[in-house]
Amino acid sequence: MIHQGSRPSISRSTPAAVQQNFEKASRSYLPIRHDRRLPSPTKRPRQQSAATATAMIGANISNNDSIQTPHLQNNRISSPCGRSFSSLGWLKRHQVSCSACKNMNSKERSPEQVIPCAPLASKRQAIPQSREIRAAMVGEEQLGVNGWSTLSVNREAPRDFGSGRDPVSFLPVVENQPDAVHATTFNLGDEYNPEGELVTNSAKFEINATELHNKVRAELERELTPNDSEGYIYILWDPNRPELHKIGKSIESTRRKGQLENQCGLALELVKEVRVDYYYRNERLIQTYLLDRCRPYRCEVCGANHKEWFQIAAESASAAVSLWTKFMNEEAPYDLETRQLRSFAKDLVKRQDRLLADVKYNVEATREHWNRVLSPTFIDRFRFKFNIVRDLLWKFYWQINTMLAWIVAFIASRHPVAFLCIVVSVIGTFISMSDEHNRLRNRSKSSKRRSM
């Protein structure tokens, strides 16, 4: 029998580690704390198993709660099954082994919980909590980060603590099971495609009007590569994702369509194909022109990340392809010798840039701006030629004025010396013009060699 204020006796069959704790507590009059780690096999009695030692420790903990010191009896914590404990640690350990507490907790908490947590990188990843919170399995604890994800807790974790391992390793595993989210805005963030598959984009940003304009202009002004030859620009449609269209390039569109069907297991339909010069450059320009509509996704069949799918209607995709291919075929904006952009195309881009500052600067206004650049009128062509003549006259202003002065002098005097001066002036003017032309040609060739 245990008298009030006395310490409980301990059996000889109790492990040595537990006996030492009892002796230290009896000398210091402090609460008894039991080490959950069992002694090594060499010190443990042979007739005592791990399950027996664990049960004995739990029994001693529950019996000694009634004889704690007075300053610890003020704040006692009750468990769901009705027992009271002096500290949160004993309550947590009791809940791990008590079937009544587990049943009551399972009734109070539904299997599916919405817990604020950081976006998880994999489907099985533990919540980054502290050791105390994780040991208590408090899933509702605020973690101080943004974002919500639907989480389900696996309650089938093993409860064997007798092996001496860390109890945290037996905690439930959190599984991330996000619902399918359909994109409603044209951005380049991560999303879920109509099949519920996670879409991981190569470029994680939302492009604005300035970035779109600069990217299209940089791609247009870039020098041609050896791969820029004749080919086809095609548009493919997947009935399983009717809102998406694939815009790509190929030497043979039908053959490319068959390759995609065999490689990815798709049933594609060819919407349009156009033969064009510089098909590599044309594809890049069209895809950059529609960059805010790009919807890349990872294919489960081939494992590749397809980056040429766009969330756009078939009519809009066909209009964009026709606009750029017509500009390439009719205007021939690149010089075949220098493989650089011609002066007329540069003038169109430069002149329209000044007009772009007067409109509302958004993505759609930027596309309308490029529509005007790619559709030059008769006035645009006349203005370009007039500017060429004006610049030429201004550059050789003194030579031309000298030649005109000698012509007027010859008409007025009818003197042969005046006629000779006219001839010399005309020859000198044309020599100056030819030298300037050769200098410009050599500059373009040297820039081409540096780029190669």
Protein backbone atom coordinates (compact mmCIF):
# COMPACT_ATOMS: atom_id res chain seq x y z
CA MET A 1 0.00 0.00 0.00
CA ILE A 2 1.24 3.48 -0.88
CA HIS A 3 0.94 6.09 1.91
CA GLN A 4 0.33 9.77 1.25
CA GLY A 5 3.58 11.60 0.53
CA SER A 6 5.68 8.47 0.16
CA ARG A 7 7.43 7.30 -2.97
CA PRO A 8 6.23 4.10 -4.62
CA SER A 9 8.33 0.99 -4.37
CA ILE A 10 9.75 -0.65 -7.43
CA SER A 11 9.99 -4.29 -8.33
CA ARG A 12 13.26 -6.09 -8.84
CA SER A 13 12.16 -7.05 -12.35
CA THR A 14 12.17 -3.40 -13.44
CA PRO A 15 15.00 -2.50 -15.86
CA ALA A 16 18.12 -0.87 -14.47
CA ALA A 17 17.49 2.42 -16.33
CA VAL A 18 14.04 2.75 -14.71
CA GLN A 19 15.43 1.92 -11.24
CA GLN A 20 18.02 4.69 -11.55
CA ASN A 21 15.28 7.21 -12.41
CA PHE A 22 13.29 6.15 -9.31
CA GLU A 23 16.33 6.50 -7.05
CA LYS A 24 17.23 9.97 -8.40
CA ALA A 25 13.64 11.17 -8.04
CA SER A 26 13.32 9.89 -4.47
CA ARG A 27 16.50 11.75 -3.43
CA SER A 28 15.62 15.08 -5.13
CA TYR A 29 11.83 15.02 -4.58
CA LEU A 30 11.31 15.89 -8.24
CA PRO A 31 8.70 14.40 -10.59
CA ILE A 32 9.65 11.02 -11.92
CA ARG A 33 10.63 11.01 -15.59
CA HIS A 34 11.03 7.74 -17.42
CA ASP A 35 13.29 7.25 -20.37
CA ARG A 36 11.44 5.69 -23.30
CA ARG A 37 14.65 4.19 -24.64
CA LEU A 38 15.06 0.63 -23.47
CA PRO A 39 18.42 -0.63 -22.13
CA SER A 40 20.79 -2.48 -24.40
CA PRO A 41 20.24 -6.25 -24.85
CA THR A 42 23.26 -7.03 -22.62
CA LYS A 43 21.78 -5.21 -19.58
CA ARG A 44 18.13 -6.20 -20.07
CA PRO A 45 16.87 -9.31 -18.22
CA ARG A 46 16.20 -12.18 -20.59
CA GLN A 47 12.75 -12.93 -19.18
CA GLN A 48 11.52 -9.39 -20.02
CA SER A 49 10.34 -8.50 -23.53
CA ALA A 50 10.12 -5.09 -25.17
CA ALA A 51 6.32 -5.10 -25.02
CA THR A 52 6.38 -5.87 -21.26
CA ALA A 53 8.83 -3.05 -20.55
CA THR A 54 6.78 -0.57 -22.57
CA ALA A 55 3.58 -1.57 -20.78
CA MET A 56 5.30 -1.27 -17.38
CA ILE A 57 6.58 2.21 -18.15
CA GLY A 58 3.10 3.32 -19.21
CA ALA A 59 1.58 1.86 -16.03
CA ASN A 60 4.09 3.63 -13.80
CA ILE A 61 3.44 6.93 -15.58
CA SER A 62 -0.33 6.69 -15.05
CA ASN A 63 0.00 5.58 -11.38
CA ASN A 64 2.45 8.28 -10.39
CA ASP A 65 0.36 11.13 -11.83
CA SER A 66 -1.74 11.12 -8.65
CA ILE A 67 1.21 11.80 -6.33
CA GLN A 68 2.90 14.68 -8.14
CA THR A 69 4.17 17.66 -6.18
CA PRO A 70 1.58 20.34 -5.28
CA HIS A 71 2.89 22.96 -7.73
CA LEU A 72 2.29 20.53 -10.63
CA GLN A 73 -1.27 19.62 -9.59
CA ASN A 74 -2.59 23.10 -10.39
CA ASN A 75 -2.30 22.75 -14.18
CA ARG A 76 -3.46 19.29 -15.21
CA ILE A 77 -4.44 18.37 -18.74
CA SER A 78 -7.34 16.03 -19.45
CA SER A 79 -7.32 13.48 -22.26
CA PRO A 80 -10.39 12.63 -24.40
CA CYS A 81 -10.82 9.35 -22.48
CA GLY A 82 -11.08 11.13 -19.10
CA ARG A 83 -7.58 10.75 -17.65
CA SER A 84 -5.59 13.77 -16.46
CA PHE A 85 -1.86 14.38 -16.82
CA SER A 86 0.58 16.87 -15.39
CA SER A 87 2.30 17.80 -18.66
CA LEU A 88 1.62 17.88 -22.35
CA GLY A 89 4.33 15.30 -22.99
CA TRP A 90 2.56 12.60 -20.96
CA LEU A 91 -0.71 13.46 -22.68
CA LYS A 92 0.84 13.04 -26.12
CA ARG A 93 2.41 9.71 -25.22
CA HIS A 94 -0.85 8.52 -23.75
CA GLN A 95 -2.79 9.44 -26.91
CA VAL A 96 -0.38 7.37 -28.99
CA SER A 97 -1.16 4.14 -27.12
CA CYS A 98 -4.76 4.74 -25.97
CA SER A 99 -7.35 3.28 -28.36
CA ALA A 100 -10.20 5.30 -26.80
CA CYS A 101 -8.43 8.61 -27.48
CA LYS A 102 -7.67 7.59 -31.05
CA ASN A 103 -11.30 6.63 -31.69
CA MET A 104 -12.59 9.91 -30.27
CA ASN A 105 -10.05 11.93 -32.27
CA SER A 106 -10.99 10.12 -35.47
CA LYS A 107 -14.65 11.02 -34.91
CA GLU A 108 -13.89 14.68 -34.29
CA ARG A 109 -11.52 15.04 -37.26
CA SER A 110 -12.66 14.17 -40.77
CA PRO A 111 -10.25 12.27 -43.05
CA GLU A 112 -10.05 15.17 -45.49
CA GLN A 113 -8.84 18.45 -43.98
CA VAL A 114 -7.88 21.76 -45.51
CA ILE A 115 -4.64 22.77 -43.84
CA PRO A 116 -2.73 25.96 -44.70
CA CYS A 117 0.69 24.89 -45.84
CA ALA A 118 3.33 25.62 -48.41
CA PRO A 119 2.91 24.04 -51.86
CA LEU A 120 4.42 20.55 -51.67
CA ALA A 121 6.93 19.42 -54.28
CA SER A 122 5.91 15.74 -54.21
CA LYS A 123 2.83 13.70 -53.39
CA ARG A 124 4.30 12.33 -50.14
CA GLN A 125 6.07 14.94 -48.04
CA ALA A 126 5.84 15.71 -44.31
CA ILE A 127 4.53 19.05 -43.14
CA PRO A 128 7.47 21.21 -41.93
CA GLN A 129 6.39 21.47 -38.29
CA SER A 130 8.30 21.43 -35.04
CA ARG A 131 8.94 18.17 -33.18
CA GLU A 132 6.39 18.92 -30.44
CA ILE A 133 3.58 19.70 -32.86
CA ARG A 134 4.41 16.73 -35.05
CA ALA A 135 4.46 14.38 -32.06
CA ALA A 136 0.97 15.56 -31.07
CA MET A 137 -0.24 15.25 -34.69
CA VAL A 138 -1.83 18.68 -34.56
CA GLY A 139 -2.56 19.26 -38.24
CA GLU A 140 -4.49 22.46 -37.68
CA GLU A 141 -1.44 24.40 -36.44
CA GLN A 142 -0.80 27.57 -38.45
CA LEU A 143 2.53 27.37 -40.25
CA GLY A 144 2.81 31.04 -41.16
CA VAL A 145 3.04 30.53 -44.93
CA ASN A 146 0.68 31.29 -47.76
CA GLY A 147 -1.22 28.88 -49.92
CA TRP A 148 -3.93 26.24 -49.36
CA SER A 149 -3.86 22.64 -50.49
CA THR A 150 -6.18 19.70 -49.84
CA LEU A 151 -4.39 17.24 -47.56
CA SER A 152 -5.31 13.76 -46.32
CA VAL A 153 -3.62 12.15 -43.32
CA ASN A 154 -2.57 8.52 -43.43
CA ARG A 155 -3.60 7.13 -40.02
CA GLU A 156 -2.25 3.65 -40.64
CA ALA A 157 1.23 4.49 -39.37
CA PRO A 158 2.80 1.80 -37.13
CA ARG A 159 2.75 2.35 -33.36
CA ASP A 160 5.66 0.15 -32.31
CA PHE A 161 7.93 2.28 -30.14
CA GLY A 162 9.80 -0.61 -28.59
CA SER A 163 12.53 -0.75 -31.20
CA GLY A 164 14.30 2.29 -29.78
CA ARG A 165 13.79 4.48 -32.89
CA ASP A 166 12.65 8.08 -32.85
CA PRO A 167 8.85 8.27 -32.35
CA VAL A 168 8.70 11.05 -34.97
CA SER A 169 9.50 8.49 -37.66
CA PHE A 170 6.16 6.77 -36.97
CA LEU A 171 4.02 9.88 -37.46
CA PRO A 172 1.33 9.91 -40.18
CA VAL A 173 2.43 10.76 -43.69
CA VAL A 174 0.74 13.72 -45.38
CA GLU A 175 -0.35 13.18 -48.94
CA ASN A 176 -0.98 16.03 -51.35
CA GLN A 177 -4.04 15.38 -53.50
CA PRO A 178 -4.85 18.63 -55.38
CA ASP A 179 -8.05 18.96 -57.34
CA ALA A 180 -8.01 19.73 -61.08
CA VAL A 181 -7.83 23.49 -61.66
CA HIS A 182 -8.75 24.90 -65.07
CA ALA A 183 -7.00 28.09 -66.18
CA THR A 184 -9.25 31.08 -66.65
CA THR A 185 -6.59 33.68 -67.42
CA PHE A 186 -3.88 33.78 -70.05
CA ASN A 187 -0.74 33.63 -67.95
CA LEU A 188 2.32 31.42 -67.78
CA GLY A 189 1.99 30.19 -64.22
CA ASP A 190 1.71 26.56 -63.15
CA GLU A 191 -1.78 25.15 -63.69
CA TYR A 192 -3.65 21.94 -64.39
CA ASN A 193 -4.70 20.96 -67.88
CA PRO A 194 -8.25 19.71 -68.65
CA GLU A 195 -7.13 16.15 -67.93
CA GLY A 196 -6.10 17.03 -64.39
CA GLU A 197 -2.36 16.85 -65.10
CA LEU A 198 -0.02 19.40 -63.59
CA VAL A 199 1.27 21.84 -66.18
CA THR A 200 4.83 22.95 -65.44
CA ASN A 201 5.83 25.79 -67.73
CA SER A 202 9.43 26.41 -68.84
CA ALA A 203 9.07 30.13 -68.28
CA LYS A 204 7.36 30.95 -65.00
CA PHE A 205 6.22 34.57 -65.45
CA GLU A 206 3.28 36.65 -66.59
CA ILE A 207 4.35 38.56 -69.67
CA ASN A 208 3.24 42.17 -70.04
CA ALA A 209 2.89 44.37 -73.12
CA THR A 210 6.43 45.79 -72.94
CA GLU A 211 8.06 42.37 -72.68
CA LEU A 212 5.93 40.98 -75.49
CA HIS A 213 6.82 43.86 -77.82
CA ASN A 214 10.55 43.66 -77.03
CA LYS A 215 10.65 39.90 -77.54
CA VAL A 216 8.91 40.08 -80.93
CA ARG A 217 11.13 42.92 -82.10
CA ALA A 218 14.33 41.19 -80.94
CA GLU A 219 13.32 37.99 -82.73
CA LEU A 220 12.48 39.87 -85.94
CA GLU A 221 15.74 41.85 -85.98
CA ARG A 222 17.92 38.83 -85.24
CA GLU A 223 20.13 37.56 -88.06
CA LEU A 224 18.98 34.50 -89.99
CA THR A 225 20.53 31.13 -89.18
CA PRO A 226 21.56 28.39 -91.66
CA ASN A 227 18.42 26.44 -90.67
CA ASP A 228 16.16 29.17 -92.04
CA SER A 229 14.99 27.66 -95.31
CA GLU A 230 11.68 26.77 -96.95
CA GLY A 231 9.22 24.70 -94.97
CA TYR A 232 5.67 24.54 -93.58
CA ILE A 233 3.96 26.22 -90.67
CA TYR A 234 1.10 24.00 -89.46
CA ILE A 235 -1.75 24.14 -86.95
CA LEU A 236 -2.88 20.92 -85.23
CA TRP A 237 -5.96 20.38 -83.06
CA ASP A 238 -6.52 17.75 -80.37
CA PRO A 239 -10.22 16.81 -79.84
CA ASN A 240 -9.44 15.79 -76.24
CA ARG A 241 -8.36 19.40 -75.52
CA PRO A 242 -10.53 21.45 -77.87
CA GLU A 243 -9.38 24.80 -76.46
CA LEU A 244 -5.72 24.12 -77.38
CA HIS A 245 -3.98 24.28 -80.78
CA LYS A 246 -0.42 23.34 -81.67
CA ILE A 247 1.52 25.77 -83.90
CA GLY A 248 4.77 24.35 -85.22
CA LYS A 249 7.06 23.92 -88.21
CA SER A 250 8.06 20.99 -90.39
CA ILE A 251 9.32 20.07 -93.83
CA GLU A 252 6.30 17.75 -94.23
CA SER A 253 3.29 18.56 -92.06
CA THR A 254 1.52 15.23 -92.63
CA ARG A 255 4.58 13.26 -91.60
CA ARG A 256 5.05 15.39 -88.50
CA LYS A 257 1.39 14.83 -87.57
CA GLY A 258 1.89 11.06 -87.78
CA GLN A 259 5.00 11.24 -85.60
CA LEU A 260 3.14 13.09 -82.86
CA GLU A 261 0.24 10.64 -82.98
CA ASN A 262 2.55 7.63 -82.65
CA GLN A 263 4.80 9.24 -80.05
CA CYS A 264 2.15 10.71 -77.75
CA GLY A 265 -0.89 8.55 -78.53
CA LEU A 266 -2.97 11.50 -79.77
CA ALA A 267 -5.65 11.73 -82.44
CA LEU A 268 -4.76 15.05 -84.10
CA GLU A 269 -6.44 16.96 -86.90
CA LEU A 270 -4.58 19.23 -89.33
CA VAL A 271 -6.26 22.64 -89.27
CA LYS A 272 -3.94 24.55 -91.61
CA GLU A 273 -0.52 24.44 -93.26
CA VAL A 274 1.28 27.22 -95.16
CA ARG A 275 4.53 27.01 -97.11
CA VAL A 276 6.88 29.84 -96.23
CA ASP A 277 10.47 31.00 -96.53
CA TYR A 278 12.58 31.00 -93.36
CA TYR A 279 10.19 28.60 -91.60
CA TYR A 280 12.40 28.40 -88.49
CA ARG A 281 12.25 32.17 -88.01
CA ASN A 282 8.56 32.29 -88.88
CA GLU A 283 7.67 29.72 -86.24
CA ARG A 284 9.59 31.61 -83.57
CA LEU A 285 7.91 34.89 -84.50
CA ILE A 286 4.40 33.42 -84.39
CA GLN A 287 4.99 31.69 -81.06
CA THR A 288 6.46 34.86 -79.55
CA TYR A 289 3.55 36.87 -80.97
CA LEU A 290 1.15 34.55 -79.06
CA LEU A 291 3.37 34.06 -76.02
CA ASP A 292 0.72 35.07 -73.49
CA ARG A 293 -1.54 32.29 -74.83
CA CYS A 294 1.11 29.56 -74.51
CA ARG A 295 0.03 26.50 -72.50
CA PRO A 296 2.90 23.97 -72.32
CA TYR A 297 2.26 20.66 -70.59
CA ARG A 298 4.13 17.46 -69.74
CA CYS A 299 3.07 14.42 -71.76
CA GLU A 300 2.51 11.26 -69.72
CA VAL A 301 3.16 9.00 -72.73
CA CYS A 302 6.49 10.30 -74.06
CA GLY A 303 7.55 12.25 -70.95
CA ALA A 304 8.41 15.36 -72.97
CA ASN A 305 7.40 18.92 -72.09
CA HIS A 306 5.43 20.18 -75.12
CA LYS A 307 5.80 23.95 -75.44
CA GLU A 308 3.96 24.62 -78.72
CA TRP A 309 0.34 24.40 -77.50
CA PHE A 310 -1.68 27.62 -77.28
CA GLN A 311 -5.06 28.33 -75.74
CA ILE A 312 -6.56 30.08 -78.73
CA ALA A 313 -9.45 29.60 -81.13
CA ALA A 314 -8.83 28.03 -84.53
CA GLU A 315 -9.79 31.24 -86.36
CA SER A 316 -7.41 33.38 -84.32
CA ALA A 317 -4.56 30.90 -84.73
CA SER A 318 -5.15 30.74 -88.50
CA ALA A 319 -5.22 34.55 -88.73
CA ALA A 320 -1.91 34.86 -86.86
CA VAL A 321 -0.22 32.27 -89.08
CA SER A 322 -1.55 33.93 -92.26
CA LEU A 323 -0.39 37.36 -91.11
CA TRP A 324 3.23 36.36 -90.53
CA THR A 325 3.57 33.98 -93.49
CA LYS A 326 2.16 36.61 -95.87
CA PHE A 327 4.64 39.16 -94.55
CA MET A 328 7.54 36.75 -95.08
CA ASN A 329 6.50 35.65 -98.58
CA GLU A 330 5.47 39.04 -100.01
CA GLU A 331 7.74 41.54 -98.28
CA ALA A 332 10.91 39.36 -98.10
CA PRO A 333 12.15 41.30 -95.06
CA TYR A 334 15.61 39.64 -94.96
CA ASP A 335 18.55 40.22 -97.28
CA LEU A 336 19.76 36.88 -98.67
CA GLU A 337 23.36 38.10 -98.90
CA THR A 338 23.77 39.64 -95.46
CA ARG A 339 20.97 37.53 -93.84
CA GLN A 340 19.88 40.63 -91.93
CA LEU A 341 16.67 42.61 -91.81
CA ARG A 342 16.13 44.97 -94.74
CA SER A 343 15.84 48.71 -94.34
CA PHE A 344 12.15 48.79 -95.26
CA ALA A 345 11.22 46.38 -92.44
CA LYS A 346 13.39 48.31 -89.98
CA ASP A 347 11.65 51.53 -91.00
CA LEU A 348 8.23 49.95 -90.44
CA VAL A 349 9.15 48.83 -86.93
CA LYS A 350 10.78 52.14 -86.03
CA ARG A 351 7.94 54.29 -87.34
CA GLN A 352 5.22 52.20 -85.69
CA ASP A 353 7.03 52.34 -82.36
CA ARG A 354 6.39 56.06 -82.22
CA LEU A 355 2.68 55.47 -82.80
CA LEU A 356 2.52 52.79 -80.11
CA ALA A 357 3.16 55.36 -77.37
CA ASP A 358 -0.15 57.09 -78.17
CA VAL A 359 -2.38 54.05 -77.52
CA LYS A 360 -3.33 52.19 -74.35
CA TYR A 361 -0.35 49.97 -73.68
CA ASN A 362 -1.62 46.43 -73.09
CA VAL A 363 -1.06 43.05 -74.70
CA GLU A 364 -3.91 43.33 -77.20
CA ALA A 365 -2.80 46.83 -78.22
CA THR A 366 0.71 45.48 -78.77
CA ARG A 367 -0.65 42.80 -81.08
CA GLU A 368 -2.64 45.40 -83.01
CA HIS A 369 0.57 47.40 -83.35
CA TRP A 370 2.35 44.43 -84.92
CA ASN A 371 -0.62 43.83 -87.19
CA ARG A 372 -0.03 47.30 -88.65
CA VAL A 373 3.70 46.63 -88.96
CA LEU A 374 3.07 43.42 -90.91
CA SER A 375 0.50 45.02 -93.25
CA PRO A 376 2.27 47.97 -94.98
CA THR A 377 0.21 50.22 -97.26
CA PHE A 378 1.06 52.19 -100.42
CA ILE A 379 1.65 55.29 -98.32
CA ASP A 380 4.18 53.41 -96.21
CA ARG A 381 6.12 52.36 -99.30
CA PHE A 382 6.06 55.85 -100.84
CA ARG A 383 7.20 57.44 -97.60
CA PHE A 384 10.10 55.00 -97.34
CA LYS A 385 11.34 55.74 -100.88
CA PHE A 386 10.93 59.47 -100.39
CA ASN A 387 13.00 59.31 -97.22
CA ILE A 388 15.76 57.45 -99.09
CA VAL A 389 15.99 60.18 -101.75
CA ARG A 390 15.90 62.93 -99.16
CA ASP A 391 18.67 61.36 -97.10
CA LEU A 392 20.79 60.87 -100.21
CA LEU A 393 20.46 64.49 -101.27
CA TRP A 394 21.24 65.70 -97.80
CA LYS A 395 24.29 63.50 -97.49
CA PHE A 396 25.84 64.74 -100.77
CA TYR A 397 24.56 68.26 -100.43
CA TRP A 398 27.77 70.10 -101.48
CA GLN A 399 28.55 67.86 -104.43
CA ILE A 400 25.06 68.19 -105.86
CA ASN A 401 24.95 71.96 -105.34
CA THR A 402 28.33 72.37 -107.07
CA MET A 403 27.15 70.35 -110.04
CA LEU A 404 23.94 72.41 -110.32
CA ALA A 405 25.92 75.68 -110.09
CA TRP A 406 28.18 74.74 -113.01
CA ILE A 407 25.14 73.71 -115.05
CA VAL A 408 23.58 77.16 -114.52
CA ALA A 409 26.90 78.84 -115.39
CA PHE A 410 27.21 76.89 -118.63
CA ILE A 411 23.64 77.74 -119.66
CA ALA A 412 24.27 81.42 -118.99
CA SER A 413 27.75 81.72 -120.61
CA ARG A 414 27.83 78.91 -123.18
CA HIS A 415 31.56 78.70 -122.49
CA PRO A 416 33.44 75.39 -123.01
CA VAL A 417 35.30 75.80 -119.71
CA ALA A 418 31.97 75.85 -117.88
CA PHE A 419 30.99 72.65 -119.68
CA LEU A 420 34.27 71.01 -118.62
CA CYS A 421 33.59 71.98 -115.00
CA ILE A 422 30.12 70.39 -115.26
CA VAL A 423 31.64 67.09 -116.41
CA VAL A 424 34.22 67.07 -113.61
CA SER A 425 31.55 67.90 -111.02
CA VAL A 426 29.24 65.09 -112.18
CA ILE A 427 32.06 62.52 -112.17
CA GLY A 428 33.18 63.56 -108.69
CA THR A 429 29.64 63.35 -107.34
CA PHE A 430 29.10 59.80 -108.62
CA ILE A 431 32.51 58.71 -107.31
CA SER A 432 31.58 59.96 -103.84
CA MET A 433 28.26 58.10 -104.00
CA SER A 434 29.90 54.85 -105.13
CA ASP A 435 32.50 55.07 -102.35
CA GLU A 436 29.75 55.47 -99.78
CA HIS A 437 27.91 52.47 -101.24
CA ASN A 438 31.05 50.28 -101.08
CA ARG A 439 31.74 51.38 -97.53
CA LEU A 440 28.24 50.36 -96.44
CA ARG A 441 28.59 46.98 -98.18
CA ASN A 442 31.93 46.26 -96.51
CA ARG A 443 30.46 47.17 -93.14
CA SER A 444 27.60 44.69 -93.59
CA LYS A 445 30.00 41.93 -94.67
CA SER A 446 32.29 42.51 -91.70
CA SER A 447 29.34 42.39 -89.30
CA LYS A 448 28.25 39.12 -90.91
CA ARG A 449 31.72 37.60 -90.40
CA ARG A 450 31.74 38.68 -86.74
CA SER A 451 28.36 37.05 -86.15
CA MET A 452 29.54 33.80 -87.74
